[in-house]
C-alpha atoms as a PDB file:
ATOM      1  CA  UNK A   1    -123.645  13.637  59.587  1.00  0.00           C
ATOM      2  CA  UNK A   2    -123.082  13.843  63.294  1.00  0.00           C
ATOM      3  CA  UNK A   3    -119.958  11.616  63.055  1.00  0.00           C
ATOM      4  CA  UNK A   4    -118.419  13.764  60.315  1.00  0.00           C
ATOM      5  CA  UNK A   5    -119.146  16.977  62.252  1.00  0.00           C
ATOM      6  CA  UNK A   6    -117.549  15.527  65.391  1.00  0.00           C
ATOM      7  CA  UNK A   7    -114.460  14.494  63.463  1.00  0.00           C
ATOM      8  CA  UNK A   8    -114.351  17.942  61.862  1.00  0.00           C
ATOM      9  CA  UNK A   9    -114.559  19.621  65.261  1.00  0.00           C
ATOM     10  CA  UNK A  10    -111.816  17.351  66.605  1.00  0.00           C
ATOM     11  CA  UNK A  11    -109.642  18.244  63.616  1.00  0.00           C
ATOM     12  CA  UNK A  12    -110.234  21.933  64.246  1.00  0.00           C
ATOM     13  CA  UNK A  13    -109.258  21.441  67.897  1.00  0.00           C
ATOM     14  CA  UNK A  14    -106.038  19.695  66.907  1.00  0.00           C
ATOM     15  CA  UNK A  15    -105.174  22.512  64.503  1.00  0.00           C
ATOM     16  CA  UNK A  16    -105.929  25.117  67.186  1.00  0.00           C
ATOM     17  CA  UNK A  17    -103.773  23.280  69.723  1.00  0.00           C
ATOM     18  CA  UNK A  18    -100.986  22.981  67.181  1.00  0.00           C
ATOM     19  CA  UNK A  19    -101.191  26.672  66.307  1.00  0.00           C
ATOM     20  CA  UNK A  20    -101.179  27.576  70.003  1.00  0.00           C
ATOM     21  CA  UNK A  21     -98.120  25.417  70.591  1.00  0.00           C
ATOM     22  CA  UNK A  22     -96.298  27.036  67.670  1.00  0.00           C
ATOM     23  CA  UNK A  23     -97.232  30.496  68.923  1.00  0.00           C
ATOM     24  CA  UNK A  24     -96.038  29.715  72.437  1.00  0.00           C
ATOM     25  CA  UNK A  25     -92.783  28.341  71.069  1.00  0.00           C
ATOM     26  CA  UNK A  26     -92.230  31.536  69.090  1.00  0.00           C
ATOM     27  CA  UNK A  27     -92.974  33.673  72.130  1.00  0.00           C
ATOM     28  CA  UNK A  28     -90.631  31.618  74.313  1.00  0.00           C
ATOM     29  CA  UNK A  29     -87.840  31.922  71.772  1.00  0.00           C
ATOM     30  CA  UNK A  30     -88.379  35.693  71.687  1.00  0.00           C
ATOM     31  CA  UNK A  31     -88.370  35.915  75.486  1.00  0.00           C
ATOM     32  CA  UNK A  32     -85.248  33.812  75.726  1.00  0.00           C
ATOM     33  CA  UNK A  33     -83.556  35.899  73.059  1.00  0.00           C
ATOM     34  CA  UNK A  34     -84.516  39.113  74.860  1.00  0.00           C
ATOM     35  CA  UNK A  35     -83.294  37.690  78.167  1.00  0.00           C
ATOM     36  CA  UNK A  36     -79.977  36.674  76.632  1.00  0.00           C
ATOM     37  CA  UNK A  37     -79.621  40.085  74.979  1.00  0.00           C
ATOM     38  CA  UNK A  38     -80.352  41.825  78.275  1.00  0.00           C
ATOM     39  CA  UNK A  39     -77.908  39.644  80.179  1.00  0.00           C
ATOM     40  CA  UNK A  40     -75.264  40.220  77.516  1.00  0.00           C
ATOM     41  CA  UNK A  41     -75.721  43.972  77.869  1.00  0.00           C
ATOM     42  CA  UNK A  42     -75.226  43.798  81.627  1.00  0.00           C
ATOM     43  CA  UNK A  43     -72.059  41.745  81.279  1.00  0.00           C
ATOM     44  CA  UNK A  44     -70.663  44.121  78.697  1.00  0.00           C
ATOM     45  CA  UNK A  45     -71.390  47.331  80.597  1.00  0.00           C
ATOM     46  CA  UNK A  46     -71.225  46.695  84.302  1.00  0.00           C
ATOM     47  CA  UNK A  47     -70.950  43.111  85.564  1.00  0.00           C
ATOM     48  CA  UNK A  48     -67.203  43.084  84.854  1.00  0.00           C
ATOM     49  CA  UNK A  49     -66.007  46.253  86.678  1.00  0.00           C
ATOM     50  CA  UNK A  50     -62.652  47.814  85.811  1.00  0.00           C
ATOM     51  CA  UNK A  51     -60.336  47.860  88.832  1.00  0.00           C
ATOM     52  CA  UNK A  52     -58.956  51.335  89.620  1.00  0.00           C
ATOM     53  CA  UNK A  53     -55.198  51.638  89.146  1.00  0.00           C
ATOM     54  CA  UNK A  54     -53.152  51.920  92.338  1.00  0.00           C
ATOM     55  CA  UNK A  55     -50.855  54.956  92.102  1.00  0.00           C
ATOM     56  CA  UNK A  56     -48.204  55.853  94.690  1.00  0.00           C
ATOM     57  CA  UNK A  57     -46.608  59.297  94.987  1.00  0.00           C
ATOM     58  CA  UNK A  58     -43.540  59.906  97.150  1.00  0.00           C
ATOM     59  CA  UNK A  59     -42.617  63.552  97.810  1.00  0.00           C
ATOM     60  CA  UNK A  60     -40.205  65.466 100.061  1.00  0.00           C
ATOM     61  CA  UNK A  61     -41.641  66.542 103.403  1.00  0.00           C
ATOM     62  CA  UNK A  62     -40.728  70.183 102.682  1.00  0.00           C
ATOM     63  CA  UNK A  63     -44.073  71.957 102.282  1.00  0.00           C
ATOM     64  CA  UNK A  64     -42.748  75.397 101.362  1.00  0.00           C
ATOM     65  CA  UNK A  65     -42.791  77.274  98.081  1.00  0.00           C
ATOM     66  CA  UNK A  66     -42.875  75.360  94.809  1.00  0.00           C
ATOM     67  CA  UNK A  67     -42.755  71.979  96.606  1.00  0.00           C
ATOM     68  CA  UNK A  68     -46.032  72.821  98.327  1.00  0.00           C
ATOM     69  CA  UNK A  69     -47.569  73.834  95.013  1.00  0.00           C
ATOM     70  CA  UNK A  70     -46.398  70.625  93.377  1.00  0.00           C
ATOM     71  CA  UNK A  71     -48.026  68.479  96.070  1.00  0.00           C
ATOM     72  CA  UNK A  72     -51.214  70.583  95.943  1.00  0.00           C
ATOM     73  CA  UNK A  73     -51.737  70.240  92.191  1.00  0.00           C
ATOM     74  CA  UNK A  74     -50.835  66.539  92.166  1.00  0.00           C
ATOM     75  CA  UNK A  75     -53.353  65.785  94.889  1.00  0.00           C
ATOM     76  CA  UNK A  76     -55.992  67.984  93.253  1.00  0.00           C
ATOM     77  CA  UNK A  77     -55.720  66.123  89.945  1.00  0.00           C
ATOM     78  CA  UNK A  78     -55.561  62.722  91.659  1.00  0.00           C
ATOM     79  CA  UNK A  79     -58.825  63.526  93.466  1.00  0.00           C
ATOM     80  CA  UNK A  80     -60.464  64.223  90.113  1.00  0.00           C
ATOM     81  CA  UNK A  81     -59.314  60.865  88.708  1.00  0.00           C
ATOM     82  CA  UNK A  82     -60.300  59.073  91.918  1.00  0.00           C
ATOM     83  CA  UNK A  83     -63.816  60.539  91.727  1.00  0.00           C
ATOM     84  CA  UNK A  84     -64.052  59.159  88.187  1.00  0.00           C
ATOM     85  CA  UNK A  85     -63.098  55.705  89.440  1.00  0.00           C
ATOM     86  CA  UNK A  86     -59.870  55.661  87.428  1.00  0.00           C
ATOM     87  CA  UNK A  87     -57.333  55.477  90.265  1.00  0.00           C
ATOM     88  CA  UNK A  88     -56.738  54.874  93.925  1.00  0.00           C
ATOM     89  CA  UNK A  89     -53.767  56.803  95.227  1.00  0.00           C
ATOM     90  CA  UNK A  90     -51.509  57.459  98.177  1.00  0.00           C
ATOM     91  CA  UNK A  91     -49.274  60.511  98.616  1.00  0.00           C
ATOM     92  CA  UNK A  92     -46.474  59.796 101.077  1.00  0.00           C
ATOM     93  CA  UNK A  93     -43.888  62.274 102.350  1.00  0.00           C
ATOM     94  CA  UNK A  94     -40.333  61.852 103.569  1.00  0.00           C
ATOM     95  CA  UNK A  95     -37.793  64.134 105.229  1.00  0.00           C
ATOM     96  CA  UNK A  96     -34.711  61.949 104.644  1.00  0.00           C
ATOM     97  CA  UNK A  97     -33.472  59.366 102.161  1.00  0.00           C
ATOM     98  CA  UNK A  98     -34.077  56.621 104.727  1.00  0.00           C
ATOM     99  CA  UNK A  99     -37.674  57.739 105.239  1.00  0.00           C
ATOM    100  CA  UNK A 100     -38.233  57.808 101.493  1.00  0.00           C
ATOM    101  CA  UNK A 101     -36.889  54.262 101.206  1.00  0.00           C
ATOM    102  CA  UNK A 102     -39.450  53.189 103.816  1.00  0.00           C
ATOM    103  CA  UNK A 103     -42.200  54.914 101.829  1.00  0.00           C
ATOM    104  CA  UNK A 104     -41.311  52.786  98.790  1.00  0.00           C
ATOM    105  CA  UNK A 105     -41.612  49.676 100.960  1.00  0.00           C
ATOM    106  CA  UNK A 106     -45.011  50.879 102.196  1.00  0.00           C
ATOM    107  CA  UNK A 107     -46.242  51.267  98.628  1.00  0.00           C
ATOM    108  CA  UNK A 108     -45.025  47.806  97.700  1.00  0.00           C
ATOM    109  CA  UNK A 109     -47.033  46.377 100.640  1.00  0.00           C
ATOM    110  CA  UNK A 110     -50.067  48.347  99.391  1.00  0.00           C
ATOM    111  CA  UNK A 111     -49.652  46.559  96.008  1.00  0.00           C
ATOM    112  CA  UNK A 112     -48.977  49.739  94.086  1.00  0.00           C
ATOM    113  CA  UNK A 113     -48.977  49.449  90.283  1.00  0.00           C
ATOM    114  CA  UNK A 114     -46.853  52.514  89.441  1.00  0.00           C
ATOM    115  CA  UNK A 115     -44.892  55.082  91.448  1.00  0.00           C
ATOM    116  CA  UNK A 116     -44.196  58.788  90.954  1.00  0.00           C
ATOM    117  CA  UNK A 117     -41.223  59.923  93.033  1.00  0.00           C
ATOM    118  CA  UNK A 118     -39.391  63.177  93.714  1.00  0.00           C
ATOM    119  CA  UNK A 119     -36.124  61.818  95.231  1.00  0.00           C
ATOM    120  CA  UNK A 120     -34.185  64.871  96.400  1.00  0.00           C
ATOM    121  CA  UNK A 121     -31.485  62.820  98.126  1.00  0.00           C
ATOM    122  CA  UNK A 122     -28.781  60.474  96.910  1.00  0.00           C
ATOM    123  CA  UNK A 123     -28.751  56.834  97.938  1.00  0.00           C
ATOM    124  CA  UNK A 124     -32.196  55.898  96.619  1.00  0.00           C
ATOM    125  CA  UNK A 125     -31.026  54.410  93.327  1.00  0.00           C
ATOM    126  CA  UNK A 126     -30.903  50.813  94.593  1.00  0.00           C
ATOM    127  CA  UNK A 127     -34.376  51.097  96.144  1.00  0.00           C
ATOM    128  CA  UNK A 128     -35.874  52.440  92.937  1.00  0.00           C
ATOM    129  CA  UNK A 129     -34.011  49.838  90.862  1.00  0.00           C
ATOM    130  CA  UNK A 130     -35.471  47.053  93.024  1.00  0.00           C
ATOM    131  CA  UNK A 131     -38.951  48.494  92.523  1.00  0.00           C
ATOM    132  CA  UNK A 132     -38.508  48.532  88.739  1.00  0.00           C
ATOM    133  CA  UNK A 133     -36.953  45.043  88.664  1.00  0.00           C
ATOM    134  CA  UNK A 134     -40.001  43.719  90.524  1.00  0.00           C
ATOM    135  CA  UNK A 135     -42.237  44.931  87.693  1.00  0.00           C
ATOM    136  CA  UNK A 136     -43.430  48.230  89.175  1.00  0.00           C
ATOM    137  CA  UNK A 137     -42.666  51.194  86.867  1.00  0.00           C
ATOM    138  CA  UNK A 138     -41.234  54.342  88.462  1.00  0.00           C
ATOM    139  CA  UNK A 139     -41.544  57.905  87.128  1.00  0.00           C
ATOM    140  CA  UNK A 140     -38.905  60.250  88.520  1.00  0.00           C
ATOM    141  CA  UNK A 141     -39.747  63.942  88.882  1.00  0.00           C
ATOM    142  CA  UNK A 142     -36.857  66.270  87.961  1.00  0.00           C
ATOM    143  CA  UNK A 143     -33.887  64.454  89.515  1.00  0.00           C
ATOM    144  CA  UNK A 144     -31.555  62.602  87.139  1.00  0.00           C
ATOM    145  CA  UNK A 145     -31.062  59.041  88.407  1.00  0.00           C
ATOM    146  CA  UNK A 146     -28.578  56.374  87.371  1.00  0.00           C
ATOM    147  CA  UNK A 147     -31.272  53.683  87.284  1.00  0.00           C
ATOM    148  CA  UNK A 148     -32.084  51.312  84.422  1.00  0.00           C
ATOM    149  CA  UNK A 149     -35.643  51.555  83.177  1.00  0.00           C
ATOM    150  CA  UNK A 150     -36.686  54.656  85.114  1.00  0.00           C
ATOM    151  CA  UNK A 151     -38.966  57.224  83.461  1.00  0.00           C
ATOM    152  CA  UNK A 152     -38.468  60.932  84.030  1.00  0.00           C
ATOM    153  CA  UNK A 153     -40.377  64.187  83.873  1.00  0.00           C
ATOM    154  CA  UNK A 154     -38.370  67.421  83.779  1.00  0.00           C
ATOM    155  CA  UNK A 155     -39.412  71.065  83.797  1.00  0.00           C
ATOM    156  CA  UNK A 156     -36.609  72.403  81.629  1.00  0.00           C
ATOM    157  CA  UNK A 157     -34.367  74.614  83.789  1.00  0.00           C
ATOM    158  CA  UNK A 158     -32.519  75.929  80.735  1.00  0.00           C
ATOM    159  CA  UNK A 159     -35.849  76.894  79.173  1.00  0.00           C
ATOM    160  CA  UNK A 160     -36.694  78.902  82.287  1.00  0.00           C
ATOM    161  CA  UNK A 161     -33.514  80.886  81.635  1.00  0.00           C
ATOM    162  CA  UNK A 162     -34.003  81.315  77.903  1.00  0.00           C
ATOM    163  CA  UNK A 163     -37.689  82.259  78.191  1.00  0.00           C
ATOM    164  CA  UNK A 164     -36.804  84.891  80.821  1.00  0.00           C
ATOM    165  CA  UNK A 165     -34.117  86.332  78.562  1.00  0.00           C
ATOM    166  CA  UNK A 166     -36.501  86.428  75.606  1.00  0.00           C
ATOM    167  CA  UNK A 167     -39.127  88.187  77.700  1.00  0.00           C
ATOM    168  CA  UNK A 168     -36.681  90.861  78.880  1.00  0.00           C
ATOM    169  CA  UNK A 169     -35.516  91.559  75.311  1.00  0.00           C
ATOM    170  CA  UNK A 170     -39.144  91.785  74.243  1.00  0.00           C
ATOM    171  CA  UNK A 171     -39.757  94.517  76.843  1.00  0.00           C
ATOM    172  CA  UNK A 172     -36.531  96.567  76.756  1.00  0.00           C
ATOM    173  CA  UNK A 173     -35.068  95.865  73.336  1.00  0.00           C
ATOM    174  CA  UNK A 174     -31.482  94.821  72.569  1.00  0.00           C
ATOM    175  CA  UNK A 175     -29.643  97.449  74.621  1.00  0.00           C
ATOM    176  CA  UNK A 176     -29.576  98.430  78.297  1.00  0.00           C
ATOM    177  CA  UNK A 177     -28.455  97.094  81.679  1.00  0.00           C
ATOM    178  CA  UNK A 178     -29.881  93.864  83.117  1.00  0.00           C
ATOM    179  CA  UNK A 179     -29.186  92.576  86.627  1.00  0.00           C
ATOM    180  CA  UNK A 180     -29.077  88.792  87.107  1.00  0.00           C
ATOM    181  CA  UNK A 181     -29.727  87.369  90.571  1.00  0.00           C
ATOM    182  CA  UNK A 182     -28.605  83.748  90.608  1.00  0.00           C
ATOM    183  CA  UNK A 183     -28.603  81.331  93.547  1.00  0.00           C
ATOM    184  CA  UNK A 184     -25.518  79.086  93.815  1.00  0.00           C
ATOM    185  CA  UNK A 185     -27.017  77.256  96.812  1.00  0.00           C
ATOM    186  CA  UNK A 186     -29.608  75.778  94.426  1.00  0.00           C
ATOM    187  CA  UNK A 187     -26.840  73.857  92.683  1.00  0.00           C
ATOM    188  CA  UNK A 188     -27.452  72.456  89.202  1.00  0.00           C
ATOM    189  CA  UNK A 189     -30.821  74.187  88.851  1.00  0.00           C
ATOM    190  CA  UNK A 190     -29.271  77.654  89.190  1.00  0.00           C
ATOM    191  CA  UNK A 191     -26.452  76.738  86.822  1.00  0.00           C
ATOM    192  CA  UNK A 192     -28.801  75.437  84.129  1.00  0.00           C
ATOM    193  CA  UNK A 193     -31.157  78.418  84.380  1.00  0.00           C
ATOM    194  CA  UNK A 194     -28.245  80.841  84.102  1.00  0.00           C
ATOM    195  CA  UNK A 195     -26.845  78.871  81.158  1.00  0.00           C
ATOM    196  CA  UNK A 196     -30.129  79.134  79.270  1.00  0.00           C
ATOM    197  CA  UNK A 197     -30.353  82.851  80.024  1.00  0.00           C
ATOM    198  CA  UNK A 198     -26.776  83.599  78.927  1.00  0.00           C
ATOM    199  CA  UNK A 199     -27.017  81.641  75.678  1.00  0.00           C
ATOM    200  CA  UNK A 200     -30.243  83.376  74.680  1.00  0.00           C
ATOM    201  CA  UNK A 201     -28.800  86.808  75.470  1.00  0.00           C
ATOM    202  CA  UNK A 202     -25.626  86.165  73.456  1.00  0.00           C
ATOM    203  CA  UNK A 203     -27.736  85.049  70.528  1.00  0.00           C
ATOM    204  CA  UNK A 204     -30.478  87.693  70.586  1.00  0.00           C
ATOM    205  CA  UNK A 205     -29.115  90.743  72.434  1.00  0.00           C
ATOM    206  CA  UNK A 206     -25.303  90.668  72.722  1.00  0.00           C
ATOM    207  CA  UNK A 207     -25.126  94.422  73.386  1.00  0.00           C
ATOM    208  CA  UNK A 208     -27.105  94.268  76.635  1.00  0.00           C
ATOM    209  CA  UNK A 209     -24.868  94.861  79.650  1.00  0.00           C
ATOM    210  CA  UNK A 210     -25.328  92.030  82.161  1.00  0.00           C
ATOM    211  CA  UNK A 211     -24.263  92.165  85.811  1.00  0.00           C
ATOM    212  CA  UNK A 212     -24.580  89.087  88.022  1.00  0.00           C
ATOM    213  CA  UNK A 213     -25.155  88.944  91.784  1.00  0.00           C
ATOM    214  CA  UNK A 214     -26.303  86.209  94.144  1.00  0.00           C
ATOM    215  CA  UNK A 215     -29.361  85.870  96.377  1.00  0.00           C
ATOM    216  CA  UNK A 216     -30.976  83.053  98.295  1.00  0.00           C
ATOM    217  CA  UNK A 217     -34.444  81.954  97.152  1.00  0.00           C
ATOM    218  CA  UNK A 218     -35.936  84.273  99.737  1.00  0.00           C
ATOM    219  CA  UNK A 219     -37.907  87.522  99.547  1.00  0.00           C
ATOM    220  CA  UNK A 220     -36.015  89.234 102.367  1.00  0.00           C
ATOM    221  CA  UNK A 221     -32.613  88.353 100.952  1.00  0.00           C
ATOM    222  CA  UNK A 222     -33.677  89.367  97.459  1.00  0.00           C
ATOM    223  CA  UNK A 223     -34.755  92.761  98.764  1.00  0.00           C
ATOM    224  CA  UNK A 224     -31.545  93.356 100.726  1.00  0.00           C
ATOM    225  CA  UNK A 225     -29.296  92.388  97.811  1.00  0.00           C
ATOM    226  CA  UNK A 226     -31.195  94.580  95.386  1.00  0.00           C
ATOM    227  CA  UNK A 227     -31.239  97.563  97.730  1.00  0.00           C
ATOM    228  CA  UNK A 228     -27.441  97.504  97.631  1.00  0.00           C
ATOM    229  CA  UNK A 229     -27.480  97.296  93.839  1.00  0.00           C
ATOM    230  CA  UNK A 230     -29.908 100.212  93.544  1.00  0.00           C
ATOM    231  CA  UNK A 231     -27.594 102.350  95.676  1.00  0.00           C
ATOM    232  CA  UNK A 232     -24.769 101.960  93.158  1.00  0.00           C
ATOM    233  CA  UNK A 233     -26.649 101.873  89.830  1.00  0.00           C
ATOM    234  CA  UNK A 234     -28.509 104.951  88.618  1.00  0.00           C
ATOM    235  CA  UNK A 235     -29.992 103.151  85.597  1.00  0.00           C
ATOM    236  CA  UNK A 236     -31.264  99.594  85.419  1.00  0.00           C
ATOM    237  CA  UNK A 237     -33.567  98.389  82.656  1.00  0.00           C
ATOM    238  CA  UNK A 238     -34.422  94.850  83.674  1.00  0.00           C
ATOM    239  CA  UNK A 239     -33.933  92.237  86.404  1.00  0.00           C
ATOM    240  CA  UNK A 240     -33.681  88.490  85.878  1.00  0.00           C
ATOM    241  CA  UNK A 241     -34.345  86.279  88.908  1.00  0.00           C
ATOM    242  CA  UNK A 242     -34.849  82.537  89.186  1.00  0.00           C
ATOM    243  CA  UNK A 243     -37.599  82.538  91.803  1.00  0.00           C
ATOM    244  CA  UNK A 244     -40.808  84.477  92.445  1.00  0.00           C
ATOM    245  CA  UNK A 245     -39.875  85.132  96.084  1.00  0.00           C
ATOM    246  CA  UNK A 246     -36.676  86.868  94.968  1.00  0.00           C
ATOM    247  CA  UNK A 247     -38.656  88.792  92.340  1.00  0.00           C
ATOM    248  CA  UNK A 248     -41.064  90.013  95.034  1.00  0.00           C
ATOM    249  CA  UNK A 249     -38.096  91.175  97.143  1.00  0.00           C
ATOM    250  CA  UNK A 250     -36.723  93.073  94.145  1.00  0.00           C
ATOM    251  CA  UNK A 251     -40.127  94.685  93.600  1.00  0.00           C
ATOM    252  CA  UNK A 252     -40.267  95.734  97.266  1.00  0.00           C
ATOM    253  CA  UNK A 253     -36.841  97.384  96.994  1.00  0.00           C
ATOM    254  CA  UNK A 254     -37.789  99.222  93.801  1.00  0.00           C
ATOM    255  CA  UNK A 255     -41.026 100.548  95.243  1.00  0.00           C
ATOM    256  CA  UNK A 256     -39.442 101.689  98.511  1.00  0.00           C
ATOM    257  CA  UNK A 257     -36.664 103.456  96.583  1.00  0.00           C
ATOM    258  CA  UNK A 258     -39.206 105.137  94.299  1.00  0.00           C
ATOM    259  CA  UNK A 259     -37.326 104.022  91.179  1.00  0.00           C
ATOM    260  CA  UNK A 260     -39.097 104.249  87.829  1.00  0.00           C
ATOM    261  CA  UNK A 261     -36.304 103.233  85.437  1.00  0.00           C
ATOM    262  CA  UNK A 262     -36.727  99.465  85.756  1.00  0.00           C
ATOM    263  CA  UNK A 263     -39.167  98.150  83.182  1.00  0.00           C
ATOM    264  CA  UNK A 264     -39.244  94.409  83.739  1.00  0.00           C
ATOM    265  CA  UNK A 265     -38.623  91.747  86.414  1.00  0.00           C
ATOM    266  CA  UNK A 266     -38.716  88.022  85.739  1.00  0.00           C
ATOM    267  CA  UNK A 267     -39.227  85.203  88.239  1.00  0.00           C
ATOM    268  CA  UNK A 268     -40.104  81.517  88.263  1.00  0.00           C
ATOM    269  CA  UNK A 269     -42.484  79.271  90.133  1.00  0.00           C
ATOM    270  CA  UNK A 270     -45.978  80.757  89.890  1.00  0.00           C
ATOM    271  CA  UNK A 271     -46.348  82.232  93.395  1.00  0.00           C
ATOM    272  CA  UNK A 272     -49.953  83.348  93.894  1.00  0.00           C
ATOM    273  CA  UNK A 273     -48.831  86.591  95.521  1.00  0.00           C
ATOM    274  CA  UNK A 274     -46.523  87.354  92.602  1.00  0.00           C
ATOM    275  CA  UNK A 275     -49.246  86.480  90.082  1.00  0.00           C
ATOM    276  CA  UNK A 276     -51.599  88.945  91.783  1.00  0.00           C
ATOM    277  CA  UNK A 277     -48.890  91.622  91.805  1.00  0.00           C
ATOM    278  CA  UNK A 278     -48.653  91.396  88.014  1.00  0.00           C
ATOM    279  CA  UNK A 279     -52.000  93.087  87.397  1.00  0.00           C
ATOM    280  CA  UNK A 280     -51.521  95.467  90.339  1.00  0.00           C
ATOM    281  CA  UNK A 281     -48.317  96.988  88.896  1.00  0.00           C
ATOM    282  CA  UNK A 282     -48.973  98.539  85.528  1.00  0.00           C
ATOM    283  CA  UNK A 283     -45.765 100.606  85.420  1.00  0.00           C
ATOM    284  CA  UNK A 284     -43.466  97.559  85.399  1.00  0.00           C
ATOM    285  CA  UNK A 285     -43.778  94.222  83.643  1.00  0.00           C
ATOM    286  CA  UNK A 286     -43.654  91.248  86.022  1.00  0.00           C
ATOM    287  CA  UNK A 287     -43.170  87.773  84.527  1.00  0.00           C
ATOM    288  CA  UNK A 288     -42.930  84.266  85.953  1.00  0.00           C
ATOM    289  CA  UNK A 289     -41.855  81.047  84.258  1.00  0.00           C
ATOM    290  CA  UNK A 290     -44.605  78.703  85.443  1.00  0.00           C
ATOM    291  CA  UNK A 291     -44.326  74.918  85.156  1.00  0.00           C
ATOM    292  CA  UNK A 292     -45.982  73.329  88.188  1.00  0.00           C
ATOM    293  CA  UNK A 293     -49.699  73.011  87.274  1.00  0.00           C
ATOM    294  CA  UNK A 294     -48.894  71.510  83.868  1.00  0.00           C
ATOM    295  CA  UNK A 295     -45.985  69.421  85.144  1.00  0.00           C
ATOM    296  CA  UNK A 296     -48.112  67.989  87.975  1.00  0.00           C
ATOM    297  CA  UNK A 297     -50.894  66.976  85.580  1.00  0.00           C
ATOM    298  CA  UNK A 298     -48.484  65.507  83.024  1.00  0.00           C
ATOM    299  CA  UNK A 299     -46.708  63.543  85.752  1.00  0.00           C
ATOM    300  CA  UNK A 300     -49.973  62.031  87.008  1.00  0.00           C
ATOM    301  CA  UNK A 301     -51.162  61.241  83.467  1.00  0.00           C
ATOM    302  CA  UNK A 302     -47.874  59.493  82.716  1.00  0.00           C
ATOM    303  CA  UNK A 303     -47.799  57.412  85.896  1.00  0.00           C
ATOM    304  CA  UNK A 304     -51.422  56.327  85.323  1.00  0.00           C
ATOM    305  CA  UNK A 305     -50.491  55.321  81.771  1.00  0.00           C
ATOM    306  CA  UNK A 306     -47.578  53.274  83.142  1.00  0.00           C
ATOM    307  CA  UNK A 307     -49.909  51.529  85.593  1.00  0.00           C
ATOM    308  CA  UNK A 308     -52.178  50.682  82.653  1.00  0.00           C
ATOM    309  CA  UNK A 309     -49.254  49.182  80.737  1.00  0.00           C
ATOM    310  CA  UNK A 310     -49.209  51.916  78.108  1.00  0.00           C
ATOM    311  CA  UNK A 311     -46.141  53.352  76.400  1.00  0.00           C
ATOM    312  CA  UNK A 312     -44.931  56.799  77.525  1.00  0.00           C
ATOM    313  CA  UNK A 313     -41.900  58.931  76.738  1.00  0.00           C
ATOM    314  CA  UNK A 314     -38.784  57.872  78.593  1.00  0.00           C
ATOM    315  CA  UNK A 315     -38.084  61.566  79.318  1.00  0.00           C
ATOM    316  CA  UNK A 316     -41.040  63.951  79.236  1.00  0.00           C
ATOM    317  CA  UNK A 317     -40.127  67.633  79.251  1.00  0.00           C
ATOM    318  CA  UNK A 318     -42.561  70.349  80.313  1.00  0.00           C
ATOM    319  CA  UNK A 319     -41.876  73.766  78.809  1.00  0.00           C
ATOM    320  CA  UNK A 320     -42.449  76.721  81.175  1.00  0.00           C
ATOM    321  CA  UNK A 321     -45.197  79.199  80.374  1.00  0.00           C
ATOM    322  CA  UNK A 322     -44.202  82.878  80.440  1.00  0.00           C
ATOM    323  CA  UNK A 323     -46.986  84.359  82.580  1.00  0.00           C
ATOM    324  CA  UNK A 324     -47.529  88.106  82.990  1.00  0.00           C
ATOM    325  CA  UNK A 325     -50.381  90.562  83.599  1.00  0.00           C
ATOM    326  CA  UNK A 326     -52.053  89.532  80.335  1.00  0.00           C
ATOM    327  CA  UNK A 327     -52.292  85.834  81.202  1.00  0.00           C
ATOM    328  CA  UNK A 328     -52.019  85.581  85.003  1.00  0.00           C
ATOM    329  CA  UNK A 329     -55.783  85.309  85.622  1.00  0.00           C
ATOM    330  CA  UNK A 330     -55.889  81.727  84.326  1.00  0.00           C
ATOM    331  CA  UNK A 331     -53.226  80.663  86.866  1.00  0.00           C
ATOM    332  CA  UNK A 332     -54.823  82.182  89.949  1.00  0.00           C
ATOM    333  CA  UNK A 333     -56.030  79.528  92.389  1.00  0.00           C
ATOM    334  CA  UNK A 334     -57.222  80.550  95.849  1.00  0.00           C
ATOM    335  CA  UNK A 335     -56.528  77.062  97.178  1.00  0.00           C
ATOM    336  CA  UNK A 336     -52.890  76.961  96.096  1.00  0.00           C
ATOM    337  CA  UNK A 337     -50.490  77.129  99.073  1.00  0.00           C
ATOM    338  CA  UNK A 338     -47.728  79.042  97.287  1.00  0.00           C
END
């Protein structure tokens, strides 16, 4: 009886040990599985970090007017992307073609992955071509370049002209006298803006009488030129300018002369002072064709996409927004330099 009980107890012990071993094996498998799952999650989410794209921006050294605004909005948007860990960036400036060539070399040394350039001078085609041939994509802002493989972003000078013409017709109708202040010193830009304006007027308001004069892109010059025009014209219905500084000069001349016949002035550029004047002058419609904030963002988005190896439009056109007293609030930015 004692022998059988002892054997029975030993059998129970063996079963208990076996069950314990099985249980421990199950627990170990579960722990190992959980460990592997945890490690897999870490690898998937954070142990393989994404390297920020290296973006280079080369701009003219001129920090006045629209050029200053362009640089401001590009840097502002780049800071946002940098804070998100998407990019690292450098904005380099140049005052001559030779300096700009050196800036491209600096970016190559920095191991840039894509470049956004505003080459205002001739003679940079070979430098940009070398950059592209080495596998670094280049996005050109505004200036048409004879370079194979270059991408371009343009702000639509002709659309600035046509949108200004459409706005004037909207405010004065299809008859009246409109003064055009062009700026031959601005070269192709002035020609394209005037072309867009003239074509829209011929199409939509052929009976409007148009008189053309010239002014530098300068508030003082715009005022002086328009003072002379006011002295010889008793009735003017609208004024088309190609720059907000000129438009402000025209407004100064009108106010000092006490004229109330002029119903609309158009400009371009998005000057903060001009935007504020829109809501301050309820007796005259002030309008500006504004491209820079949108164009700056689109340019940065496109150059980041190129750095990432994504497809973008070969030529990306940014249509100007016709901004007046009803919409100017959304474009006001106390930090903007222009």
